[in-house]
Amino acid sequence: MEQKRTISAKTKTSAPQSKRLRAVYRAVVALVFVLVVMLVIGSLYAVIRPADSGPLFHIGGRSASAGIDDNDGIHGDGQGSWSDYLNVFTGIGRLRIPLLGQPPATVILSLSFPYPPGDIPFSEELATRVGEFRSIATGYFAGLSRADVTGLDETTAKNEILSLYNAILRLGRIEELYFTDLIILD
């Protein structure tokens, strides 16, 4: 008799678990079914859609709904289009550079600069020179003390780093340099 009680107790506790597992299983099967249907519909649409049609939507960048047209100037004066200013090189990343002197301090620096969007060889050169760009900026600021960085003339520093960057580039030139971040930590 004790065996029957034990077995019936086990079945009672496993029944709610099997119902939960069945519900999870049904939800997973429904999700897989929906994904398969979406893939089939998307594939059929891709086959039926004309080859010369443009993208359905843009993620980021320009937007027709925002009133930005490639033919308009930035300020409506015809001086340039938005596409001239879309590519900004941020591949150098954030640098943490220890400064000279006492008390010890660290400068956190992020550099970026615009580059021509259609110049693929130049953009590839920029990507291959990231290590050199980081070394140049680190070397420039590592030789300064906290007082030097605090009283830093940003324009002079940008021009000096910019000239060092352009000295190593062969396929183009960087025209403008931005300090996205310039923070001194104690």
Protein backbone atom coordinates (compact mmCIF):
# COMPACT_ATOMS: atom_id res chain seq x y z
CA MET A 1 0.00 0.00 0.00
CA GLU A 2 2.80 2.39 0.73
CA GLN A 3 4.09 2.00 -2.81
CA LYS A 4 0.75 3.08 -4.27
CA ARG A 5 0.70 6.18 -2.12
CA THR A 6 4.21 7.10 -3.24
CA ILE A 7 3.40 6.64 -6.90
CA SER A 8 0.18 8.62 -6.72
CA ALA A 9 2.01 11.44 -4.90
CA LYS A 10 4.58 11.59 -7.69
CA THR A 11 1.92 11.76 -10.39
CA LYS A 12 0.13 14.60 -8.68
CA THR A 13 3.27 16.77 -8.50
CA SER A 14 4.37 15.98 -12.05
CA ALA A 15 1.02 16.91 -13.59
CA PRO A 16 1.44 20.71 -13.12
CA GLN A 17 5.02 20.48 -14.41
CA SER A 18 3.93 18.65 -17.55
CA LYS A 19 1.23 21.29 -18.17
CA ARG A 20 3.88 24.04 -17.90
CA LEU A 21 6.23 22.17 -20.20
CA ARG A 22 3.40 21.63 -22.69
CA ALA A 23 2.59 25.37 -22.61
CA VAL A 24 6.25 26.31 -23.14
CA TYR A 25 6.52 23.77 -25.95
CA ARG A 26 3.41 25.20 -27.66
CA ALA A 27 4.77 28.75 -27.33
CA VAL A 28 8.11 27.75 -28.86
CA VAL A 29 6.40 25.91 -31.73
CA ALA A 30 4.16 28.93 -32.38
CA LEU A 31 7.18 31.26 -32.39
CA VAL A 32 9.07 29.02 -34.82
CA PHE A 33 5.99 28.83 -37.04
CA VAL A 34 5.67 32.65 -37.10
CA LEU A 35 9.37 33.04 -37.95
CA VAL A 36 9.14 30.50 -40.78
CA VAL A 37 6.07 32.26 -42.21
CA MET A 38 7.88 35.63 -42.04
CA LEU A 39 10.91 34.18 -43.84
CA VAL A 40 8.76 32.68 -46.57
CA ILE A 41 6.82 35.92 -47.08
CA GLY A 42 10.04 37.97 -47.12
CA SER A 43 11.66 35.61 -49.62
CA LEU A 44 8.63 35.72 -51.92
CA TYR A 45 8.59 39.52 -51.71
CA ALA A 46 12.30 39.65 -52.59
CA VAL A 47 11.73 37.46 -55.65
CA ILE A 48 8.71 39.47 -56.85
CA ARG A 49 10.17 42.94 -56.14
CA PRO A 50 11.78 44.74 -59.11
CA ALA A 51 15.60 44.63 -59.16
CA ASP A 52 16.02 48.40 -59.59
CA SER A 53 13.85 49.37 -56.62
CA GLY A 54 15.42 51.27 -53.74
CA PRO A 55 15.44 50.35 -50.07
CA LEU A 56 12.11 50.21 -48.26
CA PHE A 57 13.39 52.25 -45.31
CA HIS A 58 16.60 53.80 -43.97
CA ILE A 59 17.93 53.17 -40.50
CA GLY A 60 19.69 56.33 -39.30
CA GLY A 61 21.29 58.85 -41.62
CA ARG A 62 19.08 60.76 -44.04
CA SER A 63 15.34 60.68 -43.90
CA ALA A 64 12.84 61.91 -46.46
CA SER A 65 10.30 62.40 -43.69
CA ALA A 66 12.67 64.81 -41.94
CA GLY A 67 12.65 67.06 -45.00
CA ILE A 68 16.28 66.37 -45.90
CA ASP A 69 16.92 66.09 -49.61
CA ASP A 70 20.27 65.14 -51.14
CA ASN A 71 20.02 68.06 -53.54
CA ASP A 72 19.40 70.66 -50.85
CA GLY A 73 22.27 72.44 -49.22
CA ILE A 74 22.88 72.04 -45.53
CA HIS A 75 21.35 75.42 -44.82
CA GLY A 76 19.34 75.59 -48.01
CA ASP A 77 21.98 77.76 -49.66
CA GLY A 78 23.45 75.08 -51.94
CA GLN A 79 26.82 75.07 -50.18
CA GLY A 80 26.89 71.31 -49.76
CA SER A 81 24.68 68.31 -49.25
CA TRP A 82 24.08 66.23 -46.15
CA SER A 83 25.88 63.30 -47.72
CA ASP A 84 29.11 65.35 -47.75
CA TYR A 85 29.11 65.35 -43.94
CA LEU A 86 27.86 61.89 -43.01
CA ASN A 87 31.13 59.99 -42.58
CA VAL A 88 32.93 60.73 -39.33
CA PHE A 89 35.85 58.56 -38.32
CA THR A 90 35.57 57.53 -34.67
CA GLY A 91 37.70 54.39 -34.86
CA ILE A 92 40.40 55.78 -32.56
CA GLY A 93 38.08 55.26 -29.63
CA ARG A 94 38.48 56.56 -26.09
CA LEU A 95 42.06 56.92 -24.84
CA ARG A 96 43.12 56.96 -21.17
CA ILE A 97 46.48 58.72 -21.02
CA PRO A 98 48.47 59.16 -17.79
CA LEU A 99 49.90 62.68 -17.44
CA LEU A 100 53.33 63.74 -16.17
CA GLY A 101 53.97 65.11 -12.71
CA GLN A 102 52.47 64.92 -9.28
CA PRO A 103 49.75 64.44 -8.23
CA PRO A 104 49.06 61.71 -10.80
CA ALA A 105 46.28 62.51 -13.26
CA THR A 106 44.79 60.91 -16.35
CA VAL A 107 43.28 62.54 -19.40
CA ILE A 108 40.41 60.78 -21.16
CA LEU A 109 40.37 61.72 -24.81
CA SER A 110 38.20 60.82 -27.80
CA LEU A 111 39.14 62.06 -31.24
CA SER A 112 37.05 62.10 -34.40
CA PHE A 113 37.22 63.69 -37.81
CA PRO A 114 35.12 63.85 -40.98
CA TYR A 115 36.28 62.22 -44.18
CA PRO A 116 34.90 62.05 -47.73
CA PRO A 117 32.17 59.41 -47.95
CA GLY A 118 33.00 58.15 -51.45
CA ASP A 119 36.76 57.74 -50.98
CA ILE A 120 36.99 54.02 -50.20
CA PRO A 121 40.80 53.69 -50.44
CA PHE A 122 41.24 56.59 -47.99
CA SER A 123 38.70 55.14 -45.55
CA GLU A 124 40.55 51.80 -45.71
CA GLU A 125 43.84 53.58 -45.00
CA LEU A 126 42.25 55.30 -42.01
CA ALA A 127 41.11 51.93 -40.66
CA THR A 128 44.61 50.46 -41.01
CA ARG A 129 46.23 53.44 -39.24
CA VAL A 130 44.13 53.34 -36.04
CA GLY A 131 47.06 52.07 -33.97
CA GLU A 132 49.30 54.87 -35.24
CA PHE A 133 46.60 57.47 -34.58
CA ARG A 134 46.25 56.21 -31.02
CA SER A 135 50.04 56.26 -30.51
CA ILE A 136 50.37 59.81 -31.82
CA ALA A 137 47.61 61.17 -29.56
CA THR A 138 48.93 59.21 -26.56
CA GLY A 139 52.46 60.47 -27.15
CA TYR A 140 51.27 64.06 -27.48
CA PHE A 141 49.31 64.11 -24.21
CA ALA A 142 51.62 61.81 -22.20
CA GLY A 143 54.32 64.48 -22.41
CA LEU A 144 52.08 67.06 -20.72
CA SER A 145 51.38 67.71 -17.06
CA ARG A 146 47.96 68.34 -15.51
CA ALA A 147 48.64 72.08 -15.55
CA ASP A 148 49.60 71.94 -19.23
CA VAL A 149 46.39 70.14 -20.16
CA THR A 150 44.27 72.46 -18.02
CA GLY A 151 45.71 75.51 -19.79
CA LEU A 152 45.78 73.78 -23.19
CA ASP A 153 44.96 75.82 -26.27
CA GLU A 154 42.64 73.35 -27.97
CA THR A 155 43.11 74.80 -31.46
CA THR A 156 46.90 74.54 -31.24
CA ALA A 157 46.72 70.98 -29.90
CA LYS A 158 44.30 69.94 -32.65
CA ASN A 159 46.50 71.49 -35.34
CA GLU A 160 49.64 69.79 -34.03
CA ILE A 161 47.97 66.37 -33.81
CA LEU A 162 46.34 66.93 -37.20
CA SER A 163 49.71 67.67 -38.83
CA LEU A 164 51.17 64.50 -37.27
CA TYR A 165 48.22 62.47 -38.56
CA ASN A 166 48.48 63.91 -42.08
CA ALA A 167 52.24 63.20 -42.12
CA ILE A 168 51.58 59.45 -42.01
CA LEU A 169 48.67 59.42 -44.48
CA ARG A 170 49.34 58.72 -48.16
CA LEU A 171 45.92 58.52 -49.84
CA GLY A 172 44.25 61.66 -48.49
CA ARG A 173 44.25 64.36 -45.86
CA ILE A 174 42.27 65.04 -42.73
CA GLU A 175 40.92 68.59 -42.83
CA GLU A 176 39.36 68.94 -39.37
CA LEU A 177 39.91 67.23 -36.02
CA TYR A 178 37.49 67.14 -33.08
CA PHE A 179 38.07 66.38 -29.42
CA THR A 180 34.83 64.59 -28.68
CA ASP A 181 35.92 64.07 -25.06
CA LEU A 182 38.70 65.82 -23.16
CA ILE A 183 38.37 65.05 -19.47
CA ILE A 184 41.03 65.23 -16.74
CA LEU A 185 40.72 62.74 -13.88
CA ASP A 186 42.67 62.98 -10.62
